[in-house]
Amino acid sequence: MIQNFKINIDNNQKNIRLMAKSKEKTIPYSNYSYATEPTKFVRFLRVCFSKQLFHFFHLNLKIMKIVVRGHS
C-alpha cells in the first residue's frame, strides 16, 4: 500500500514537470496561432501622420455629405 502511494506521488511529480514544460508552447488553434506580424511598411503606415491626416479629412467629408443630404 505504501509502495503504491510512493509510485503515485512519483507519477504525479512527473506529470507536473511535463505540464510545466508544455506551458511554454502555444495552444493549437488559438488566436496566437493565426496572428500575422505586420511588415515594416504596414507599421510605417500606422504611424504616418500625413496618411492619418488625409484619412481624417476624407472621413469627415463623407460624413458631411451624409448630413447635408439628410437636411436638404
C-alpha atoms as a PDB file:
ATOM      1  CA  MET A   1       0.000   0.000   0.000  1.00  0.00           C
ATOM      2  CA  ILE A   2       2.768   2.445   0.908  1.00  0.00           C
ATOM      3  CA  GLN A   3       4.724   1.485  -2.205  1.00  0.00           C
ATOM      4  CA  ASN A   4       1.688   2.184  -4.393  1.00  0.00           C
ATOM      5  CA  PHE A   5       1.331   5.555  -2.723  1.00  0.00           C
ATOM      6  CA  LYS A   6       5.002   6.333  -3.461  1.00  0.00           C
ATOM      7  CA  ILE A   7       4.580   5.339  -7.091  1.00  0.00           C
ATOM      8  CA  ASN A   8       1.527   7.610  -7.400  1.00  0.00           C
ATOM      9  CA  ILE A   9       3.464  10.534  -5.918  1.00  0.00           C
ATOM     10  CA  ASP A  10       6.345   9.936  -8.340  1.00  0.00           C
ATOM     11  CA  ASN A  11       3.931   9.765 -11.280  1.00  0.00           C
ATOM     12  CA  ASN A  12       2.231  12.989 -10.166  1.00  0.00           C
ATOM     13  CA  GLN A  13       5.588  14.767  -9.956  1.00  0.00           C
ATOM     14  CA  LYS A  14       6.433  13.601 -13.477  1.00  0.00           C
ATOM     15  CA  ASN A  15       3.067  14.848 -14.723  1.00  0.00           C
ATOM     16  CA  ILE A  16       3.625  18.215 -13.078  1.00  0.00           C
ATOM     17  CA  ARG A  17       7.032  18.501 -14.743  1.00  0.00           C
ATOM     18  CA  LEU A  18       5.520  17.602 -18.108  1.00  0.00           C
ATOM     19  CA  MET A  19       2.750  20.151 -17.649  1.00  0.00           C
ATOM     20  CA  ALA A  20       5.289  22.855 -16.779  1.00  0.00           C
ATOM     21  CA  LYS A  21       7.159  22.133 -19.995  1.00  0.00           C
ATOM     22  CA  SER A  22       4.008  22.143 -22.102  1.00  0.00           C
ATOM     23  CA  LYS A  23       3.002  25.625 -20.888  1.00  0.00           C
ATOM     24  CA  GLU A  24       5.885  27.066 -22.875  1.00  0.00           C
ATOM     25  CA  LYS A  25       4.268  26.030 -26.159  1.00  0.00           C
ATOM     26  CA  THR A  26       1.347  27.765 -27.790  1.00  0.00           C
ATOM     27  CA  ILE A  27      -2.054  26.152 -27.793  1.00  0.00           C
ATOM     28  CA  PRO A  28      -3.069  24.854 -31.249  1.00  0.00           C
ATOM     29  CA  TYR A  29      -5.927  26.710 -32.968  1.00  0.00           C
ATOM     30  CA  SER A  30      -5.728  29.603 -30.503  1.00  0.00           C
ATOM     31  CA  ASN A  31      -5.764  33.234 -31.628  1.00  0.00           C
ATOM     32  CA  TYR A  32      -1.993  33.388 -31.293  1.00  0.00           C
ATOM     33  CA  SER A  33      -1.587  30.599 -33.834  1.00  0.00           C
ATOM     34  CA  TYR A  34      -3.206  32.652 -36.590  1.00  0.00           C
ATOM     35  CA  ALA A  35      -1.645  36.025 -35.764  1.00  0.00           C
ATOM     36  CA  THR A  36       0.489  37.564 -38.503  1.00  0.00           C
ATOM     37  CA  GLU A  37       3.275  40.004 -37.874  1.00  0.00           C
ATOM     38  CA  PRO A  38       2.890  43.328 -39.720  1.00  0.00           C
ATOM     39  CA  THR A  39       5.535  44.233 -42.273  1.00  0.00           C
ATOM     40  CA  LYS A  40       7.778  47.284 -41.931  1.00  0.00           C
ATOM     41  CA  PHE A  41       5.673  49.163 -44.484  1.00  0.00           C
ATOM     42  CA  VAL A  42       2.438  48.447 -42.609  1.00  0.00           C
ATOM     43  CA  ARG A  43       3.990  49.596 -39.344  1.00  0.00           C
ATOM     44  CA  PHE A  44       5.165  52.780 -41.081  1.00  0.00           C
ATOM     45  CA  LEU A  45       1.681  53.493 -42.442  1.00  0.00           C
ATOM     46  CA  ARG A  46       0.136  53.053 -38.992  1.00  0.00           C
ATOM     47  CA  VAL A  47       2.223  55.898 -37.595  1.00  0.00           C
ATOM     48  CA  CYS A  48       2.424  58.075 -40.728  1.00  0.00           C
ATOM     49  CA  PHE A  49       0.919  61.443 -39.745  1.00  0.00           C
ATOM     50  CA  SER A  50       0.178  62.641 -43.293  1.00  0.00           C
ATOM     51  CA  LYS A  51      -1.745  59.458 -44.112  1.00  0.00           C
ATOM     52  CA  GLN A  52      -3.751  59.745 -40.892  1.00  0.00           C
ATOM     53  CA  LEU A  53      -4.498  63.411 -41.587  1.00  0.00           C
ATOM     54  CA  PHE A  54      -5.674  62.607 -45.117  1.00  0.00           C
ATOM     55  CA  HIS A  55      -7.977  59.809 -43.906  1.00  0.00           C
ATOM     56  CA  PHE A  56      -9.300  62.038 -41.117  1.00  0.00           C
ATOM     57  CA  PHE A  57     -10.442  64.731 -43.584  1.00  0.00           C
ATOM     58  CA  HIS A  58     -11.669  62.150 -46.084  1.00  0.00           C
ATOM     59  CA  LEU A  59     -13.877  60.539 -43.442  1.00  0.00           C
ATOM     60  CA  ASN A  60     -15.150  63.939 -42.278  1.00  0.00           C
ATOM     61  CA  LEU A  61     -16.121  64.862 -45.851  1.00  0.00           C
ATOM     62  CA  LYS A  62     -18.033  61.605 -46.248  1.00  0.00           C
ATOM     63  CA  ILE A  63     -19.907  62.262 -43.016  1.00  0.00           C
ATOM     64  CA  MET A  64     -20.662  65.855 -44.004  1.00  0.00           C
ATOM     65  CA  LYS A  65     -22.099  64.671 -47.355  1.00  0.00           C
ATOM     66  CA  ILE A  66     -24.470  62.344 -45.498  1.00  0.00           C
ATOM     67  CA  VAL A  67     -25.507  65.090 -43.068  1.00  0.00           C
ATOM     68  CA  VAL A  68     -26.065  67.664 -45.837  1.00  0.00           C
ATOM     69  CA  ARG A  69     -28.165  65.210 -47.871  1.00  0.00           C
ATOM     70  CA  GLY A  70     -30.272  64.469 -44.807  1.00  0.00           C
ATOM     71  CA  HIS A  71     -31.049  68.142 -44.184  1.00  0.00           C
ATOM     72  CA  SER A  72     -31.932  69.005 -47.806  1.00  0.00           C
END
